[in-house]
Amino acid sequence: MSWQSYPLTHMDGFAAEPEATAYKAGGVAFPRGHILHDYLEARVLPRITGPVGRGRLQYTAMWKVAQRMSKRPVKFGTILPELLAASVADDHYKDPVERTWALSEAINAELNDLADAGCPVIQMEEPQIHMVPIRGKAFGKLDVNDLVKVFNNTVKGLRAKTEVWCHTCWGNPSQQRMFVGVQSYQPTLEALARVDADALTFETCSSGTGDLKAIGEAVKDKKVVIGVIDHHTLQVERPEQIAALIREALKHVPPERLVISSDCGMGREGMGRRHAAYKMVAMVLGTNIVRKELGLPEAECLAADGRYSLTVTE
């Protein structure tokens, strides 16, 4: 919940006390007795009572703390304005579109300070562009072109200072699939290719590889980040399975623009750190299979290094 609730409980313009809020964006609704009804009903968020501002987001301070704890570059991710706008009741703005744009301006100011502080990659999470064909226009008003404009406004000024990623997936609240059928990115790839980002992420493990050819044809000037880890299940992928998915992607995307990742985040209630960690280990081992085939240096994987085993053998 912090992904969605943190901004709404730290920005200016919100009531001091939260309240239960019905989530009805795009007609999303689940009946009582469904786990996702429980998930959505548990939202306790403050309502908007005045002009929205950055308030106490402190994105830069959080990133600095995380970066001090790692020798590796730390990427910072944040939810996008249209999802925040769909989450709250509003006593101030005339309509949800006005609310969305106000949130976009506030988040953009915060992210520019984050980029100025040296954050190497900023990831914008879940624009609703690819959801329009199945859910309809956001708030019944914003089509894919409008949502591209919202995204680009939210990241304006960033690419001159940092690398911008646009993350998309088909959802995983409570480790659940949001839709009965497997969805396709193909109807909105042209619009996604127009977002002002350096990299686009796609869910290609749990939803299959059927969109890879179309992705390769539509996205020519950005990195293509493919998910090789299913964020819904506790089954840890085998390295050979991951390598096969990467080989399929390489038929359509050149290796210099292909990045390997998970379908989505795994920090939800259904998955513990142990399973998540070994999924990430499998991702590295599977990628190393293909790196070796291409004559590229393999990535370090300490979890597979015998020096760190409980039973060290000479």
C-alpha atoms as a PDB file:
ATOM      1  CA  MET A   1       0.000   0.000   0.000  1.00  0.00           C
ATOM      2  CA  SER A   2       2.897   2.410   0.575  1.00  0.00           C
ATOM      3  CA  TRP A   3       3.415   2.676  -3.190  1.00  0.00           C
ATOM      4  CA  GLN A   4       0.023   4.349  -3.426  1.00  0.00           C
ATOM      5  CA  SER A   5      -0.579   5.697   0.057  1.00  0.00           C
ATOM      6  CA  TYR A   6       2.788   7.333   0.775  1.00  0.00           C
ATOM      7  CA  PRO A   7       2.389  10.251  -1.673  1.00  0.00           C
ATOM      8  CA  LEU A   8      -1.208  10.834  -0.626  1.00  0.00           C
ATOM      9  CA  THR A   9      -0.312  11.024   3.050  1.00  0.00           C
ATOM     10  CA  HIS A  10       2.715  13.302   2.581  1.00  0.00           C
ATOM     11  CA  MET A  11       1.617  15.862  -0.013  1.00  0.00           C
ATOM     12  CA  ASP A  12      -0.028  19.228   0.661  1.00  0.00           C
ATOM     13  CA  GLY A  13      -3.737  19.659   0.053  1.00  0.00           C
ATOM     14  CA  PHE A  14      -4.948  16.525   1.823  1.00  0.00           C
ATOM     15  CA  ALA A  15      -6.979  16.138   4.994  1.00  0.00           C
ATOM     16  CA  ALA A  16      -5.078  15.246   8.151  1.00  0.00           C
ATOM     17  CA  GLU A  17      -7.287  12.222   8.841  1.00  0.00           C
ATOM     18  CA  PRO A  18      -7.658   9.382   6.291  1.00  0.00           C
ATOM     19  CA  GLU A  19     -10.926   7.646   5.534  1.00  0.00           C
ATOM     20  CA  ALA A  20     -12.085   4.558   3.657  1.00  0.00           C
ATOM     21  CA  THR A  21     -12.295   5.399  -0.057  1.00  0.00           C
ATOM     22  CA  ALA A  22     -14.128   3.484  -2.771  1.00  0.00           C
ATOM     23  CA  TYR A  23     -11.869   2.774  -5.754  1.00  0.00           C
ATOM     24  CA  LYS A  24     -13.889   2.986  -8.966  1.00  0.00           C
ATOM     25  CA  ALA A  25     -11.403   4.018 -11.660  1.00  0.00           C
ATOM     26  CA  GLY A  26     -12.133   2.420 -15.017  1.00  0.00           C
ATOM     27  CA  GLY A  27     -15.005   0.444 -13.557  1.00  0.00           C
ATOM     28  CA  VAL A  28     -12.668  -1.635 -11.387  1.00  0.00           C
ATOM     29  CA  ALA A  29     -14.797  -3.461  -8.864  1.00  0.00           C
ATOM     30  CA  PHE A  30     -14.790  -6.861  -7.214  1.00  0.00           C
ATOM     31  CA  PRO A  31     -17.612  -8.410  -5.153  1.00  0.00           C
ATOM     32  CA  ARG A  32     -17.448  -9.246  -1.486  1.00  0.00           C
ATOM     33  CA  GLY A  33     -15.796 -12.604  -1.015  1.00  0.00           C
ATOM     34  CA  HIS A  34     -13.109 -11.835  -3.627  1.00  0.00           C
ATOM     35  CA  ILE A  35      -9.600 -11.194  -2.303  1.00  0.00           C
ATOM     36  CA  LEU A  36      -9.346  -8.041  -4.403  1.00  0.00           C
ATOM     37  CA  HIS A  37     -12.473  -6.631  -2.762  1.00  0.00           C
ATOM     38  CA  ASP A  38     -10.659  -7.024   0.534  1.00  0.00           C
ATOM     39  CA  TYR A  39      -7.596  -5.333  -0.960  1.00  0.00           C
ATOM     40  CA  LEU A  40      -9.541  -2.396  -2.365  1.00  0.00           C
ATOM     41  CA  GLU A  41     -11.799  -1.979   0.660  1.00  0.00           C
ATOM     42  CA  ALA A  42      -8.725  -1.741   2.885  1.00  0.00           C
ATOM     43  CA  ARG A  43      -7.722   1.562   1.282  1.00  0.00           C
ATOM     44  CA  VAL A  44      -7.818   4.251   3.948  1.00  0.00           C
ATOM     45  CA  LEU A  45      -6.644   7.460   2.328  1.00  0.00           C
ATOM     46  CA  PRO A  46      -7.133  11.190   2.987  1.00  0.00           C
ATOM     47  CA  ARG A  47      -9.405  13.270   0.777  1.00  0.00           C
ATOM     48  CA  ILE A  48      -8.261  16.383  -1.082  1.00  0.00           C
ATOM     49  CA  THR A  49      -9.323  19.546   0.692  1.00  0.00           C
ATOM     50  CA  GLY A  50      -7.162  22.196  -0.997  1.00  0.00           C
ATOM     51  CA  PRO A  51      -4.541  22.807  -3.698  1.00  0.00           C
ATOM     52  CA  VAL A  52      -2.192  19.835  -4.095  1.00  0.00           C
ATOM     53  CA  GLY A  53       1.517  20.455  -3.503  1.00  0.00           C
ATOM     54  CA  ARG A  54       4.743  18.530  -2.928  1.00  0.00           C
ATOM     55  CA  GLY A  55       4.459  18.754   0.818  1.00  0.00           C
ATOM     56  CA  ARG A  56       6.780  16.323   2.609  1.00  0.00           C
ATOM     57  CA  LEU A  57       7.447  13.762  -0.124  1.00  0.00           C
ATOM     58  CA  GLN A  58      11.192  13.773   0.615  1.00  0.00           C
ATOM     59  CA  TYR A  59      12.033  11.586  -2.381  1.00  0.00           C
ATOM     60  CA  THR A  60      15.587  12.922  -2.468  1.00  0.00           C
ATOM     61  CA  ALA A  61      16.221  12.152   1.193  1.00  0.00           C
ATOM     62  CA  MET A  62      14.895   8.597   0.797  1.00  0.00           C
ATOM     63  CA  TRP A  63      17.024   7.955  -2.269  1.00  0.00           C
ATOM     64  CA  LYS A  64      20.148   9.294  -0.571  1.00  0.00           C
ATOM     65  CA  VAL A  65      19.669   6.926   2.374  1.00  0.00           C
ATOM     66  CA  ALA A  66      19.220   3.940   0.056  1.00  0.00           C
ATOM     67  CA  GLN A  67      22.193   4.912  -2.105  1.00  0.00           C
ATOM     68  CA  ARG A  68      24.489   5.195   0.918  1.00  0.00           C
ATOM     69  CA  MET A  69      23.685   1.574   1.736  1.00  0.00           C
ATOM     70  CA  SER A  70      24.712   0.180  -1.645  1.00  0.00           C
ATOM     71  CA  LYS A  71      27.751   0.185  -3.901  1.00  0.00           C
ATOM     72  CA  ARG A  72      25.386  -0.269  -6.850  1.00  0.00           C
ATOM     73  CA  PRO A  73      23.420   2.570  -8.469  1.00  0.00           C
ATOM     74  CA  VAL A  74      19.971   2.819  -6.857  1.00  0.00           C
ATOM     75  CA  LYS A  75      16.918   3.432  -9.044  1.00  0.00           C
ATOM     76  CA  PHE A  76      13.973   5.377  -7.601  1.00  0.00           C
ATOM     77  CA  GLY A  77      10.405   4.508  -8.599  1.00  0.00           C
ATOM     78  CA  THR A  78       7.123   6.330  -8.043  1.00  0.00           C
ATOM     79  CA  ILE A  79       3.462   5.952  -8.920  1.00  0.00           C
ATOM     80  CA  LEU A  80       1.992   8.159 -11.657  1.00  0.00           C
ATOM     81  CA  PRO A  81      -0.586  10.951 -11.180  1.00  0.00           C
ATOM     82  CA  GLU A  82      -3.614   9.323 -12.821  1.00  0.00           C
ATOM     83  CA  LEU A  83      -3.523   6.396 -10.378  1.00  0.00           C
ATOM     84  CA  LEU A  84      -3.200   8.739  -7.425  1.00  0.00           C
ATOM     85  CA  ALA A  85      -6.056  10.836  -8.775  1.00  0.00           C
ATOM     86  CA  ALA A  86      -8.239   7.730  -8.984  1.00  0.00           C
ATOM     87  CA  SER A  87      -7.556   6.802  -5.375  1.00  0.00           C
ATOM     88  CA  VAL A  88      -9.003   9.706  -3.455  1.00  0.00           C
ATOM     89  CA  ALA A  89     -12.160  11.651  -2.784  1.00  0.00           C
ATOM     90  CA  ASP A  90     -11.878  15.323  -3.722  1.00  0.00           C
ATOM     91  CA  ASP A  91     -13.512  18.426  -2.259  1.00  0.00           C
ATOM     92  CA  HIS A  92     -11.346  20.918  -4.134  1.00  0.00           C
ATOM     93  CA  TYR A  93     -10.877  20.276  -7.854  1.00  0.00           C
ATOM     94  CA  LYS A  94     -13.697  20.508 -10.361  1.00  0.00           C
ATOM     95  CA  ASP A  95     -13.016  17.150 -11.996  1.00  0.00           C
ATOM     96  CA  PRO A  96     -10.504  14.267 -11.900  1.00  0.00           C
ATOM     97  CA  VAL A  97      -8.638  15.562 -14.952  1.00  0.00           C
ATOM     98  CA  GLU A  98      -7.851  18.830 -13.166  1.00  0.00           C
ATOM     99  CA  ARG A  99      -6.818  16.778 -10.131  1.00  0.00           C
ATOM    100  CA  THR A 100      -4.535  14.606 -12.276  1.00  0.00           C
ATOM    101  CA  TRP A 101      -2.732  17.589 -13.745  1.00  0.00           C
ATOM    102  CA  ALA A 102      -2.232  19.182 -10.328  1.00  0.00           C
ATOM    103  CA  LEU A 103      -0.646  15.956  -9.059  1.00  0.00           C
ATOM    104  CA  SER A 104       1.518  15.810 -12.208  1.00  0.00           C
ATOM    105  CA  GLU A 105       2.927  19.297 -11.582  1.00  0.00           C
ATOM    106  CA  ALA A 106       3.694  18.557  -7.927  1.00  0.00           C
ATOM    107  CA  ILE A 107       5.407  15.237  -8.638  1.00  0.00           C
ATOM    108  CA  ASN A 108       7.427  16.756 -11.472  1.00  0.00           C
ATOM    109  CA  ALA A 109       8.876  19.386  -9.137  1.00  0.00           C
ATOM    110  CA  GLU A 110       9.814  16.693  -6.615  1.00  0.00           C
ATOM    111  CA  LEU A 111      11.431  14.479  -9.272  1.00  0.00           C
ATOM    112  CA  ASN A 112      13.502  17.311 -10.693  1.00  0.00           C
ATOM    113  CA  ASP A 113      15.043  17.859  -7.262  1.00  0.00           C
ATOM    114  CA  LEU A 114      15.701  14.110  -7.067  1.00  0.00           C
ATOM    115  CA  ALA A 115      17.451  14.164 -10.445  1.00  0.00           C
ATOM    116  CA  ASP A 116      19.483  17.225  -9.421  1.00  0.00           C
ATOM    117  CA  ALA A 117      20.686  15.260  -6.373  1.00  0.00           C
ATOM    118  CA  GLY A 118      22.238  12.637  -8.657  1.00  0.00           C
ATOM    119  CA  CYS A 119      19.684   9.828  -8.819  1.00  0.00           C
ATOM    120  CA  PRO A 120      20.827   7.841 -11.883  1.00  0.00           C
ATOM    121  CA  VAL A 121      17.478   6.314 -12.899  1.00  0.00           C
ATOM    122  CA  ILE A 122      13.912   7.398 -12.127  1.00  0.00           C
ATOM    123  CA  GLN A 123      11.143   4.934 -12.896  1.00  0.00           C
ATOM    124  CA  MET A 124       7.585   6.126 -13.536  1.00  0.00           C
ATOM    125  CA  GLU A 125       5.218   3.331 -12.628  1.00  0.00           C
ATOM    126  CA  GLU A 126       1.991   2.310 -14.282  1.00  0.00           C
ATOM    127  CA  PRO A 127       0.791   4.929 -16.743  1.00  0.00           C
ATOM    128  CA  GLN A 128      -2.713   3.832 -17.659  1.00  0.00           C
ATOM    129  CA  ILE A 129      -2.044   4.094 -21.397  1.00  0.00           C
ATOM    130  CA  HIS A 130      -2.029   0.343 -22.006  1.00  0.00           C
ATOM    131  CA  MET A 131      -5.132  -0.125 -19.831  1.00  0.00           C
ATOM    132  CA  VAL A 132      -7.420   2.041 -21.988  1.00  0.00           C
ATOM    133  CA  PRO A 133      -8.449  -0.717 -24.452  1.00  0.00           C
ATOM    134  CA  ILE A 134      -9.762  -2.922 -21.625  1.00  0.00           C
ATOM    135  CA  ARG A 135     -10.897  -0.330 -19.041  1.00  0.00           C
ATOM    136  CA  GLY A 136     -11.863   2.561 -21.264  1.00  0.00           C
ATOM    137  CA  LYS A 137     -10.700   6.157 -20.983  1.00  0.00           C
ATOM    138  CA  ALA A 138      -9.309   7.153 -17.593  1.00  0.00           C
ATOM    139  CA  PHE A 139     -12.176   8.826 -15.690  1.00  0.00           C
ATOM    140  CA  GLY A 140     -14.161   8.441 -18.905  1.00  0.00           C
ATOM    141  CA  LYS A 141     -12.220  11.404 -20.326  1.00  0.00           C
ATOM    142  CA  LEU A 142      -8.493  10.743 -20.821  1.00  0.00           C
ATOM    143  CA  ASP A 143      -7.611   8.686 -23.915  1.00  0.00           C
ATOM    144  CA  VAL A 144      -4.165   7.285 -24.728  1.00  0.00           C
ATOM    145  CA  ASN A 145      -2.980  10.568 -26.244  1.00  0.00           C
ATOM    146  CA  ASP A 146      -4.096  12.518 -23.172  1.00  0.00           C
ATOM    147  CA  LEU A 147      -2.293  10.040 -20.904  1.00  0.00           C
ATOM    148  CA  VAL A 148       0.906  10.384 -22.934  1.00  0.00           C
ATOM    149  CA  LYS A 149       0.681  14.146 -22.318  1.00  0.00           C
ATOM    150  CA  VAL A 150       0.224  13.565 -18.564  1.00  0.00           C
ATOM    151  CA  PHE A 151       3.255  11.277 -18.486  1.00  0.00           C
ATOM    152  CA  ASN A 152       5.432  13.689 -20.451  1.00  0.00           C
ATOM    153  CA  ASN A 153       4.414  16.597 -18.230  1.00  0.00           C
ATOM    154  CA  THR A 154       5.274  14.584 -15.112  1.00  0.00           C
ATOM    155  CA  VAL A 155       8.809  13.883 -16.387  1.00  0.00           C
ATOM    156  CA  LYS A 156       9.494  17.215 -18.111  1.00  0.00           C
ATOM    157  CA  GLY A 157      13.098  18.316 -17.610  1.00  0.00           C
ATOM    158  CA  LEU A 158      14.264  14.953 -16.263  1.00  0.00           C
ATOM    159  CA  ARG A 159      15.949  13.352 -19.260  1.00  0.00           C
ATOM    160  CA  ALA A 160      18.561  16.107 -19.401  1.00  0.00           C
ATOM    161  CA  LYS A 161      19.661  15.054 -15.894  1.00  0.00           C
ATOM    162  CA  THR A 162      18.908  11.357 -15.459  1.00  0.00           C
ATOM    163  CA  GLU A 163      17.622   8.218 -17.182  1.00  0.00           C
ATOM    164  CA  VAL A 164      13.833   7.865 -17.183  1.00  0.00           C
ATOM    165  CA  TRP A 165      12.086   4.483 -17.213  1.00  0.00           C
ATOM    166  CA  CYS A 166       8.399   3.895 -17.909  1.00  0.00           C
ATOM    167  CA  HIS A 167       7.169   0.758 -16.139  1.00  0.00           C
ATOM    168  CA  THR A 168       4.071  -1.057 -17.354  1.00  0.00           C
ATOM    169  CA  CYS A 169       2.495  -4.338 -16.295  1.00  0.00           C
ATOM    170  CA  TRP A 170      -0.974  -5.843 -15.899  1.00  0.00           C
ATOM    171  CA  GLY A 171      -1.132  -5.487 -12.111  1.00  0.00           C
ATOM    172  CA  ASN A 172      -0.473  -7.693  -9.092  1.00  0.00           C
ATOM    173  CA  PRO A 173      -2.427  -6.498  -6.035  1.00  0.00           C
ATOM    174  CA  SER A 174      -2.202  -9.182  -3.345  1.00  0.00           C
ATOM    175  CA  GLN A 175      -0.213 -11.223  -5.907  1.00  0.00           C
ATOM    176  CA  GLN A 176      -3.383 -11.584  -8.007  1.00  0.00           C
ATOM    177  CA  ARG A 177      -4.080 -11.175 -11.709  1.00  0.00           C
ATOM    178  CA  MET A 178      -6.377  -8.230 -12.360  1.00  0.00           C
ATOM    179  CA  PHE A 179      -7.917  -9.677 -15.538  1.00  0.00           C
ATOM    180  CA  VAL A 180      -9.344 -13.096 -16.379  1.00  0.00           C
ATOM    181  CA  GLY A 181      -7.655 -13.227 -19.783  1.00  0.00           C
ATOM    182  CA  VAL A 182      -4.112 -12.425 -20.864  1.00  0.00           C
ATOM    183  CA  GLN A 183      -3.918  -8.850 -22.108  1.00  0.00           C
ATOM    184  CA  SER A 184      -1.903  -7.469 -25.022  1.00  0.00           C
ATOM    185  CA  TYR A 185       0.144  -4.296 -25.335  1.00  0.00           C
ATOM    186  CA  GLN A 186      -0.289  -4.216 -29.111  1.00  0.00           C
ATOM    187  CA  PRO A 187      -3.239  -1.767 -29.326  1.00  0.00           C
ATOM    188  CA  THR A 188      -1.261   0.953 -27.497  1.00  0.00           C
ATOM    189  CA  LEU A 189       2.368   0.357 -28.484  1.00  0.00           C
ATOM    190  CA  GLU A 190       2.396   3.395 -30.757  1.00  0.00           C
ATOM    191  CA  ALA A 191       1.291   5.600 -27.875  1.00  0.00           C
ATOM    192  CA  LEU A 192       3.725   4.013 -25.407  1.00  0.00           C
ATOM    193  CA  ALA A 193       6.561   4.632 -27.859  1.00  0.00           C
ATOM    194  CA  ARG A 194       5.782   8.379 -27.596  1.00  0.00           C
ATOM    195  CA  VAL A 195       6.316   8.732 -23.848  1.00  0.00           C
ATOM    196  CA  ASP A 196       9.327  10.831 -22.932  1.00  0.00           C
ATOM    197  CA  ALA A 197      11.375   7.989 -21.470  1.00  0.00           C
ATOM    198  CA  ASP A 198      14.660   6.222 -22.147  1.00  0.00           C
ATOM    199  CA  ALA A 199      13.322   2.744 -21.376  1.00  0.00           C
ATOM    200  CA  LEU A 200       9.965   0.963 -21.570  1.00  0.00           C
ATOM    201  CA  THR A 201       9.255  -2.104 -19.430  1.00  0.00           C
ATOM    202  CA  PHE A 202       6.900  -4.906 -20.474  1.00  0.00           C
ATOM    203  CA  GLU A 203       5.380  -7.872 -18.663  1.00  0.00           C
ATOM    204  CA  THR A 204       6.510 -10.789 -20.864  1.00  0.00           C
ATOM    205  CA  CYS A 205       6.854 -13.722 -18.457  1.00  0.00           C
ATOM    206  CA  SER A 206       3.468 -14.143 -16.779  1.00  0.00           C
ATOM    207  CA  SER A 207       1.653 -12.831 -19.868  1.00  0.00           C
ATOM    208  CA  GLY A 208       3.763 -14.706 -22.406  1.00  0.00           C
ATOM    209  CA  THR A 209       5.952 -13.597 -25.292  1.00  0.00           C
ATOM    210  CA  GLY A 210       3.230 -12.989 -27.871  1.00  0.00           C
ATOM    211  CA  ASP A 211       3.811  -9.224 -27.985  1.00  0.00           C
ATOM    212  CA  LEU A 212       7.587  -9.309 -28.474  1.00  0.00           C
ATOM    213  CA  LYS A 213       7.536  -9.044 -32.262  1.00  0.00           C
ATOM    214  CA  ALA A 214       5.158  -6.073 -32.161  1.00  0.00           C
ATOM    215  CA  ILE A 215       7.204  -4.430 -29.383  1.00  0.00           C
ATOM    216  CA  GLY A 216      10.368  -4.746 -31.437  1.00  0.00           C
ATOM    217  CA  GLU A 217       8.654  -3.181 -34.442  1.00  0.00           C
ATOM    218  CA  ALA A 218       7.105  -0.289 -32.493  1.00  0.00           C
ATOM    219  CA  VAL A 219       9.887   0.683 -30.074  1.00  0.00           C
ATOM    220  CA  LYS A 220      12.989   1.736 -31.992  1.00  0.00           C
ATOM    221  CA  ASP A 221      14.569   4.546 -29.960  1.00  0.00           C
ATOM    222  CA  LYS A 222      14.289   3.272 -26.385  1.00  0.00           C
ATOM    223  CA  LYS A 223      15.617   0.447 -24.276  1.00  0.00           C
ATOM    224  CA  VAL A 224      13.182  -2.462 -24.115  1.00  0.00           C
ATOM    225  CA  VAL A 225      12.990  -3.965 -20.631  1.00  0.00           C
ATOM    226  CA  ILE A 226      11.439  -7.434 -20.589  1.00  0.00           C
ATOM    227  CA  GLY A 227      10.080  -9.252 -17.569  1.00  0.00           C
ATOM    228  CA  VAL A 228      11.490 -12.766 -17.199  1.00  0.00           C
ATOM    229  CA  ILE A 229      10.195 -13.314 -13.657  1.00  0.00           C
ATOM    230  CA  ASP A 230       6.516 -13.920 -12.785  1.00  0.00           C
ATOM    231  CA  HIS A 231       5.585 -11.704  -9.846  1.00  0.00           C
ATOM    232  CA  HIS A 232       2.357 -13.626  -9.146  1.00  0.00           C
ATOM    233  CA  THR A 233       3.726 -17.053  -8.227  1.00  0.00           C
ATOM    234  CA  LEU A 234       6.063 -18.599  -5.663  1.00  0.00           C
ATOM    235  CA  GLN A 235       7.488 -20.984  -8.260  1.00  0.00           C
ATOM    236  CA  VAL A 236      11.085 -19.885  -8.849  1.00  0.00           C
ATOM    237  CA  GLU A 237      11.857 -19.790 -12.552  1.00  0.00           C
ATOM    238  CA  ARG A 238      14.632 -22.052 -13.809  1.00  0.00           C
ATOM    239  CA  PRO A 239      17.625 -20.349 -15.450  1.00  0.00           C
ATOM    240  CA  GLU A 240      17.045 -22.352 -18.656  1.00  0.00           C
ATOM    241  CA  GLN A 241      13.478 -21.048 -18.834  1.00  0.00           C
ATOM    242  CA  ILE A 242      14.702 -17.463 -18.468  1.00  0.00           C
ATOM    243  CA  ALA A 243      17.394 -17.980 -21.093  1.00  0.00           C
ATOM    244  CA  ALA A 244      14.774 -19.243 -23.563  1.00  0.00           C
ATOM    245  CA  LEU A 245      12.638 -16.144 -23.034  1.00  0.00           C
ATOM    246  CA  ILE A 246      15.641 -13.871 -23.577  1.00  0.00           C
ATOM    247  CA  ARG A 247      16.556 -15.709 -26.806  1.00  0.00           C
ATOM    248  CA  GLU A 248      13.003 -15.127 -28.041  1.00  0.00           C
ATOM    249  CA  ALA A 249      13.262 -11.415 -27.260  1.00  0.00           C
ATOM    250  CA  LEU A 250      16.585 -11.161 -29.096  1.00  0.00           C
ATOM    251  CA  LYS A 251      14.823 -12.181 -32.296  1.00  0.00           C
ATOM    252  CA  HIS A 252      13.049  -8.823 -32.202  1.00  0.00           C
ATOM    253  CA  VAL A 253      15.161  -6.453 -30.069  1.00  0.00           C
ATOM    254  CA  PRO A 254      18.935  -5.919 -30.524  1.00  0.00           C
ATOM    255  CA  PRO A 255      21.041  -6.903 -27.491  1.00  0.00           C
ATOM    256  CA  GLU A 256      22.349  -3.363 -26.989  1.00  0.00           C
ATOM    257  CA  ARG A 257      18.771  -2.173 -26.302  1.00  0.00           C
ATOM    258  CA  LEU A 258      17.497  -5.203 -24.372  1.00  0.00           C
ATOM    259  CA  VAL A 259      17.354  -5.063 -20.565  1.00  0.00           C
ATOM    260  CA  ILE A 260      16.344  -7.983 -18.328  1.00  0.00           C
ATOM    261  CA  SER A 261      14.050  -7.469 -15.332  1.00  0.00           C
ATOM    262  CA  SER A 262      11.054  -8.896 -13.485  1.00  0.00           C
ATOM    263  CA  ASP A 263       7.489  -8.459 -14.732  1.00  0.00           C
ATOM    264  CA  CYS A 264       6.707  -6.237 -11.753  1.00  0.00           C
ATOM    265  CA  GLY A 265       7.662  -5.721  -8.131  1.00  0.00           C
ATOM    266  CA  MET A 266       7.592  -8.674  -5.764  1.00  0.00           C
ATOM    267  CA  GLY A 267       7.247  -6.782  -2.495  1.00  0.00           C
ATOM    268  CA  ARG A 268       3.618  -7.716  -1.913  1.00  0.00           C
ATOM    269  CA  GLU A 269       1.970  -9.664   0.888  1.00  0.00           C
ATOM    270  CA  GLY A 270       2.003 -12.996  -0.953  1.00  0.00           C
ATOM    271  CA  MET A 271       5.753 -13.356  -1.455  1.00  0.00           C
ATOM    272  CA  GLY A 272       8.491 -13.404   1.160  1.00  0.00           C
ATOM    273  CA  ARG A 273      12.045 -12.213   0.715  1.00  0.00           C
ATOM    274  CA  ARG A 274      13.415 -15.744   0.254  1.00  0.00           C
ATOM    275  CA  HIS A 275      11.334 -16.518  -2.827  1.00  0.00           C
ATOM    276  CA  ALA A 276      11.856 -13.032  -4.249  1.00  0.00           C
ATOM    277  CA  ALA A 277      15.623 -13.266  -3.731  1.00  0.00           C
ATOM    278  CA  TYR A 278      15.915 -16.622  -5.482  1.00  0.00           C
ATOM    279  CA  LYS A 279      13.791 -15.412  -8.362  1.00  0.00           C
ATOM    280  CA  MET A 280      16.306 -12.595  -8.809  1.00  0.00           C
ATOM    281  CA  VAL A 281      19.188 -15.086  -8.570  1.00  0.00           C
ATOM    282  CA  ALA A 282      17.549 -17.195 -11.287  1.00  0.00           C
ATOM    283  CA  MET A 283      17.209 -14.067 -13.411  1.00  0.00           C
ATOM    284  CA  VAL A 284      20.962 -13.465 -13.221  1.00  0.00           C
ATOM    285  CA  LEU A 285      21.855 -17.112 -13.872  1.00  0.00           C
ATOM    286  CA  GLY A 286      19.491 -17.311 -16.849  1.00  0.00           C
ATOM    287  CA  THR A 287      20.820 -14.074 -18.302  1.00  0.00           C
ATOM    288  CA  ASN A 288      24.382 -15.331 -17.889  1.00  0.00           C
ATOM    289  CA  ILE A 289      23.557 -18.366 -20.051  1.00  0.00           C
ATOM    290  CA  VAL A 290      22.701 -16.036 -22.925  1.00  0.00           C
ATOM    291  CA  ARG A 291      25.575 -13.644 -22.174  1.00  0.00           C
ATOM    292  CA  LYS A 292      27.979 -16.566 -22.523  1.00  0.00           C
ATOM    293  CA  GLU A 293      26.377 -17.582 -25.823  1.00  0.00           C
ATOM    294  CA  LEU A 294      26.824 -14.020 -27.132  1.00  0.00           C
ATOM    295  CA  GLY A 295      30.426 -13.796 -25.936  1.00  0.00           C
ATOM    296  CA  LEU A 296      29.557 -11.132 -23.367  1.00  0.00           C
ATOM    297  CA  PRO A 297      30.985 -10.980 -19.821  1.00  0.00           C
ATOM    298  CA  GLU A 298      28.818 -12.744 -17.248  1.00  0.00           C
ATOM    299  CA  ALA A 299      27.317 -10.847 -14.329  1.00  0.00           C
ATOM    300  CA  GLU A 300      28.523 -11.599 -10.824  1.00  0.00           C
ATOM    301  CA  CYS A 301      26.136 -13.835  -8.842  1.00  0.00           C
ATOM    302  CA  LEU A 302      27.285 -14.285  -5.254  1.00  0.00           C
ATOM    303  CA  ALA A 303      24.384 -16.603  -4.398  1.00  0.00           C
ATOM    304  CA  ALA A 304      25.779 -19.166  -6.846  1.00  0.00           C
ATOM    305  CA  ASP A 305      29.389 -18.694  -5.701  1.00  0.00           C
ATOM    306  CA  GLY A 306      30.707 -21.713  -3.796  1.00  0.00           C
ATOM    307  CA  ARG A 307      32.767 -19.469  -1.530  1.00  0.00           C
ATOM    308  CA  TYR A 308      29.564 -18.422   0.188  1.00  0.00           C
ATOM    309  CA  SER A 309      28.125 -21.902   0.651  1.00  0.00           C
ATOM    310  CA  LEU A 310      27.721 -23.447   4.102  1.00  0.00           C
ATOM    311  CA  THR A 311      29.549 -26.520   2.809  1.00  0.00           C
ATOM    312  CA  VAL A 312      32.726 -25.155   1.225  1.00  0.00           C
ATOM    313  CA  THR A 313      34.718 -27.708  -0.761  1.00  0.00           C
ATOM    314  CA  GLU A 314      38.217 -27.334  -2.143  1.00  0.00           C
END
